[in-house]
Amino acid sequence: MSIPRLFVDQPLAEGALVEAAPGQAHHIGTVLRRGPGDPVRLFNVRDGEWAATIDSIRKDRARFAVTTQTRPPAAEPECRLVIAALKREPMDWVVEKATELGATLIQPVLTQRSVADRANATRLTGIARAAAEQCERLTVPEVAEAQPLHRVLDGWNGAKLVVAMERSRAEPPRALPVPPGSPIALLVGPEGGFTAAELDDLRRRPFVVPAALGPRILRAETAAVAGLAALQALLGDWA
């Protein structure tokens, strides 16, 4: 029987008693049918991962007794995903898979051809948290509120922004002029692609690096996963 992993945004140390976050007691007790004395693993970015047991549990509350550290905290390379807001189901899927692929920030943006005009950051953060628990990450990516694309670009700093541009003569990811191990970011546009004005704006930005993701036209959610996988394999923590 696998041991449940839970993200807790509280200090973890030997002998500590930690209260469950909202919803965790129901999941542990009702869905997984665990009770007092059963093992769990708790984690956060500050303290790493710790072994613990269920100290007490009721319908809507639970408390864990922390015992020993199983993994120390570790630095995680910066890997951002900027993606045009999608409809609910594909957006949920992208957040889950981006978390599994090591994205440290997921930034929905609003473009001229976006199929959605908002993204529920609170709900998407819950999806990211659950994905981090399943894939054994020590961190949960930040899911930002959706913003217009130009506003995100105007406030950009740091990482080179790799832009997936279909039907372009851009180089494939393996030829990108980005040093391995440096902060990386991927921008994926909407299903209808960027407008000519948006592409002109992107090409003027000194931090933008156009890239081609193969000879086929990909759905936005496919491009996000394919692009993140390629960047992690060539430049990130897969290398």
Protein backbone atom coordinates (compact mmCIF):
# COMPACT_ATOMS: atom_id res chain seq x y z
CA MET A 1 0.00 0.00 0.00
CA SER A 2 1.53 3.29 -1.06
CA ILE A 3 2.14 6.01 1.51
CA PRO A 4 0.24 9.25 0.79
CA ARG A 5 2.30 12.40 0.19
CA LEU A 6 0.87 15.72 1.31
CA PHE A 7 2.03 19.29 0.82
CA VAL A 8 1.91 21.29 4.06
CA ASP A 9 2.83 24.95 4.25
CA GLN A 10 3.93 24.66 7.87
CA PRO A 11 7.36 24.07 9.47
CA LEU A 12 8.39 20.42 9.48
CA ALA A 13 10.72 19.12 12.17
CA GLU A 14 11.15 16.02 14.31
CA GLY A 15 8.41 15.81 16.94
CA ALA A 16 6.22 18.54 15.40
CA LEU A 17 2.44 18.20 15.26
CA VAL A 18 1.10 19.57 11.99
CA GLU A 19 -2.52 20.36 11.16
CA ALA A 20 -3.85 19.17 7.81
CA ALA A 21 -4.74 21.71 5.16
CA PRO A 22 -8.41 22.11 4.15
CA GLY A 23 -9.61 19.06 2.25
CA GLN A 24 -6.71 16.81 3.25
CA ALA A 25 -8.57 15.18 6.16
CA HIS A 26 -11.43 14.16 3.87
CA HIS A 27 -9.03 12.81 1.26
CA ILE A 28 -6.96 10.84 3.75
CA GLY A 29 -9.83 9.52 5.86
CA THR A 30 -12.73 9.09 3.44
CA VAL A 31 -11.08 8.55 0.06
CA LEU A 32 -7.93 6.68 1.12
CA ARG A 33 -9.47 5.16 4.29
CA ARG A 34 -6.48 5.82 6.51
CA GLY A 35 -6.67 6.27 10.27
CA PRO A 36 -4.60 7.12 13.36
CA GLY A 37 -1.14 5.56 13.29
CA ASP A 38 -1.01 5.16 9.52
CA PRO A 39 2.05 6.61 7.79
CA VAL A 40 2.10 9.68 5.55
CA ARG A 41 4.84 11.78 4.01
CA LEU A 42 4.78 15.56 4.33
CA PHE A 43 6.78 18.03 2.26
CA ASN A 44 7.42 21.65 1.40
CA VAL A 45 10.17 23.62 -0.30
CA ARG A 46 11.71 24.92 2.94
CA ASP A 47 12.02 21.69 4.91
CA GLY A 48 12.09 18.91 2.32
CA GLU A 49 10.15 15.69 2.89
CA TRP A 50 9.42 14.08 6.24
CA ALA A 51 7.95 10.81 7.44
CA ALA A 52 4.94 11.24 9.70
CA THR A 53 1.95 9.36 11.09
CA ILE A 54 -1.68 10.33 11.47
CA ASP A 55 -1.99 11.54 15.05
CA SER A 56 -5.74 12.17 14.92
CA ILE A 57 -8.39 12.44 12.22
CA ARG A 58 -12.03 13.44 12.02
CA LYS A 59 -14.36 14.22 9.14
CA ASP A 60 -12.95 17.67 8.44
CA ARG A 61 -9.74 17.81 10.50
CA ALA A 62 -6.54 15.83 10.83
CA ARG A 63 -3.23 16.19 12.60
CA PHE A 64 0.09 14.58 11.73
CA ALA A 65 3.01 13.69 13.99
CA VAL A 66 6.32 14.32 12.23
CA THR A 67 9.12 11.80 12.82
CA THR A 68 12.20 11.83 10.54
CA GLN A 69 13.38 13.63 7.41
CA THR A 70 13.43 11.43 4.29
CA ARG A 71 14.65 14.03 1.75
CA PRO A 72 16.41 17.32 2.41
CA PRO A 73 15.31 20.49 0.60
CA ALA A 74 16.95 20.92 -2.79
CA ALA A 75 17.30 23.76 -5.27
CA GLU A 76 15.06 23.50 -8.31
CA PRO A 77 16.03 25.06 -11.67
CA GLU A 78 13.76 27.86 -12.85
CA CYS A 79 11.40 26.71 -15.60
CA ARG A 80 8.39 28.90 -16.45
CA LEU A 81 5.41 28.14 -18.65
CA VAL A 82 3.52 31.06 -20.16
CA ILE A 83 0.43 29.87 -22.01
CA ALA A 84 -2.59 31.49 -23.61
CA ALA A 85 -5.60 30.78 -21.40
CA LEU A 86 -7.44 27.62 -22.45
CA LYS A 87 -10.87 26.23 -21.68
CA ARG A 88 -11.25 24.59 -18.30
CA GLU A 89 -10.50 20.93 -19.10
CA PRO A 90 -7.38 21.44 -21.25
CA MET A 91 -6.11 24.13 -18.86
CA ASP A 92 -6.46 21.74 -15.92
CA TRP A 93 -4.56 19.09 -17.88
CA VAL A 94 -1.77 21.49 -18.82
CA VAL A 95 -1.27 22.58 -15.21
CA GLU A 96 -1.09 18.97 -14.04
CA LYS A 97 1.43 17.96 -16.72
CA ALA A 98 3.50 21.14 -16.40
CA THR A 99 3.83 20.40 -12.68
CA GLU A 100 5.03 16.88 -13.44
CA LEU A 101 7.54 18.29 -15.94
CA GLY A 102 9.08 20.65 -13.38
CA ALA A 103 7.52 24.02 -14.20
CA THR A 104 8.18 26.45 -11.39
CA LEU A 105 5.71 29.11 -12.59
CA ILE A 106 2.60 28.75 -14.73
CA GLN A 107 1.44 32.09 -16.13
CA PRO A 108 -1.82 32.14 -18.14
CA VAL A 109 -1.98 35.04 -20.60
CA LEU A 110 -4.76 36.65 -22.62
CA THR A 111 -4.10 37.05 -26.33
CA GLN A 112 -6.16 38.27 -29.26
CA ARG A 113 -7.22 34.72 -30.11
CA SER A 114 -7.45 33.22 -26.62
CA VAL A 115 -10.35 30.80 -26.27
CA ALA A 116 -10.87 31.78 -22.62
CA ASP A 117 -10.87 35.19 -20.96
CA ARG A 118 -9.89 34.07 -17.47
CA ALA A 119 -8.21 31.30 -15.47
CA ASN A 120 -9.10 30.36 -11.91
CA ALA A 121 -5.69 30.56 -10.23
CA THR A 122 -6.98 29.22 -6.90
CA ARG A 123 -8.47 26.08 -8.46
CA LEU A 124 -5.45 25.57 -10.71
CA THR A 125 -3.13 25.86 -7.71
CA GLY A 126 -5.02 22.98 -6.10
CA ILE A 127 -4.46 20.91 -9.24
CA ALA A 128 -0.75 21.77 -9.18
CA ARG A 129 -0.54 20.81 -5.51
CA ALA A 130 -2.14 17.41 -6.13
CA ALA A 131 0.18 16.79 -9.08
CA ALA A 132 3.24 17.69 -6.99
CA GLU A 133 2.13 15.23 -4.31
CA GLN A 134 1.77 12.46 -6.90
CA CYS A 135 5.02 13.06 -8.81
CA GLU A 136 7.20 13.39 -5.68
CA ARG A 137 8.29 16.97 -6.21
CA LEU A 138 9.33 18.93 -3.16
CA THR A 139 7.80 22.12 -4.54
CA VAL A 140 4.46 23.28 -5.89
CA PRO A 141 4.65 25.65 -8.87
CA GLU A 142 3.15 29.10 -8.56
CA VAL A 143 0.04 29.54 -10.72
CA ALA A 144 -0.38 33.25 -11.45
CA GLU A 145 -3.51 35.17 -12.28
CA ALA A 146 -4.16 35.55 -16.00
CA GLN A 147 -2.83 38.79 -17.50
CA PRO A 148 -2.74 40.31 -20.99
CA LEU A 149 0.26 39.06 -22.93
CA HIS A 150 1.74 42.52 -23.42
CA ARG A 151 1.64 43.19 -19.68
CA VAL A 152 3.56 39.99 -18.92
CA LEU A 153 6.12 40.84 -21.62
CA ASP A 154 6.51 44.42 -20.36
CA GLY A 155 7.29 43.12 -16.87
CA TRP A 156 9.52 40.27 -17.99
CA ASN A 157 12.94 39.81 -16.45
CA GLY A 158 15.51 37.09 -16.22
CA ALA A 159 14.96 34.01 -18.34
CA LYS A 160 15.11 33.73 -22.08
CA LEU A 161 11.56 33.26 -23.34
CA VAL A 162 11.35 30.45 -25.89
CA VAL A 163 8.30 31.07 -28.08
CA ALA A 164 6.70 28.17 -29.94
CA MET A 165 6.08 29.57 -33.42
CA GLU A 166 4.40 27.22 -35.87
CA ARG A 167 4.97 27.64 -39.60
CA SER A 168 8.16 29.56 -38.98
CA ARG A 169 11.79 29.07 -39.92
CA ALA A 170 12.82 29.10 -36.27
CA GLU A 171 15.46 26.67 -35.04
CA PRO A 172 14.46 23.51 -33.15
CA PRO A 173 15.01 23.49 -29.37
CA ARG A 174 18.35 21.65 -29.66
CA ALA A 175 19.84 24.67 -31.50
CA LEU A 176 18.64 27.34 -29.07
CA PRO A 177 21.29 29.83 -27.91
CA VAL A 178 20.53 29.22 -24.24
CA PRO A 179 23.22 27.81 -21.89
CA PRO A 180 22.23 24.56 -20.15
CA GLY A 181 21.23 25.11 -16.54
CA SER A 182 20.16 28.72 -17.04
CA PRO A 183 16.60 29.85 -16.26
CA ILE A 184 14.26 28.87 -19.07
CA ALA A 185 10.72 29.78 -20.05
CA LEU A 186 8.29 28.66 -22.73
CA LEU A 187 5.49 30.69 -24.31
CA VAL A 188 2.68 28.81 -26.06
CA GLY A 189 0.02 30.74 -27.94
CA PRO A 190 -3.68 30.04 -28.46
CA GLU A 191 -5.21 27.46 -30.79
CA GLY A 192 -5.52 30.03 -33.56
CA GLY A 193 -1.93 31.16 -33.18
CA PHE A 194 -0.58 34.61 -32.44
CA THR A 195 -1.76 37.52 -34.58
CA ALA A 196 0.71 39.27 -36.87
CA ALA A 197 0.86 42.21 -34.45
CA GLU A 198 1.60 39.90 -31.51
CA LEU A 199 4.36 38.14 -33.47
CA ASP A 200 5.90 41.49 -34.42
CA ASP A 201 5.84 42.55 -30.75
CA LEU A 202 7.43 39.27 -29.66
CA ARG A 203 10.23 39.50 -32.23
CA ARG A 204 11.13 42.99 -31.00
CA ARG A 205 11.71 41.76 -27.44
CA PRO A 206 15.43 41.06 -26.82
CA PHE A 207 14.73 38.13 -24.49
CA VAL A 208 12.48 36.26 -26.96
CA VAL A 209 13.92 33.20 -28.72
CA PRO A 210 11.69 31.74 -31.49
CA ALA A 211 11.60 27.95 -31.67
CA ALA A 212 9.93 25.35 -33.87
CA LEU A 213 8.33 22.29 -32.27
CA GLY A 214 8.52 19.94 -35.24
CA PRO A 215 6.85 19.77 -38.65
CA ARG A 216 3.27 19.31 -37.40
CA ILE A 217 0.76 21.80 -36.04
CA LEU A 218 0.17 20.99 -32.37
CA ARG A 219 -2.77 21.75 -30.15
CA ALA A 220 -1.88 24.32 -27.48
CA GLU A 221 -1.86 21.77 -24.67
CA THR A 222 0.28 19.38 -26.72
CA ALA A 223 2.74 22.17 -27.56
CA ALA A 224 3.04 23.07 -23.87
CA VAL A 225 3.94 19.51 -22.85
CA ALA A 226 6.20 18.87 -25.87
CA GLY A 227 7.99 22.19 -25.42
CA LEU A 228 8.57 21.75 -21.69
CA ALA A 229 9.84 18.21 -22.20
CA ALA A 230 12.26 19.35 -24.90
CA LEU A 231 13.57 22.24 -22.80
CA GLN A 232 13.99 20.09 -19.70
CA ALA A 233 15.78 17.37 -21.69
CA LEU A 234 18.16 19.78 -23.44
CA LEU A 235 18.64 22.57 -20.92
CA GLY A 236 16.95 21.73 -17.63
CA ASP A 237 17.02 19.10 -14.89
CA TRP A 238 16.60 16.14 -17.27
CA ALA A 239 20.06 16.82 -18.65
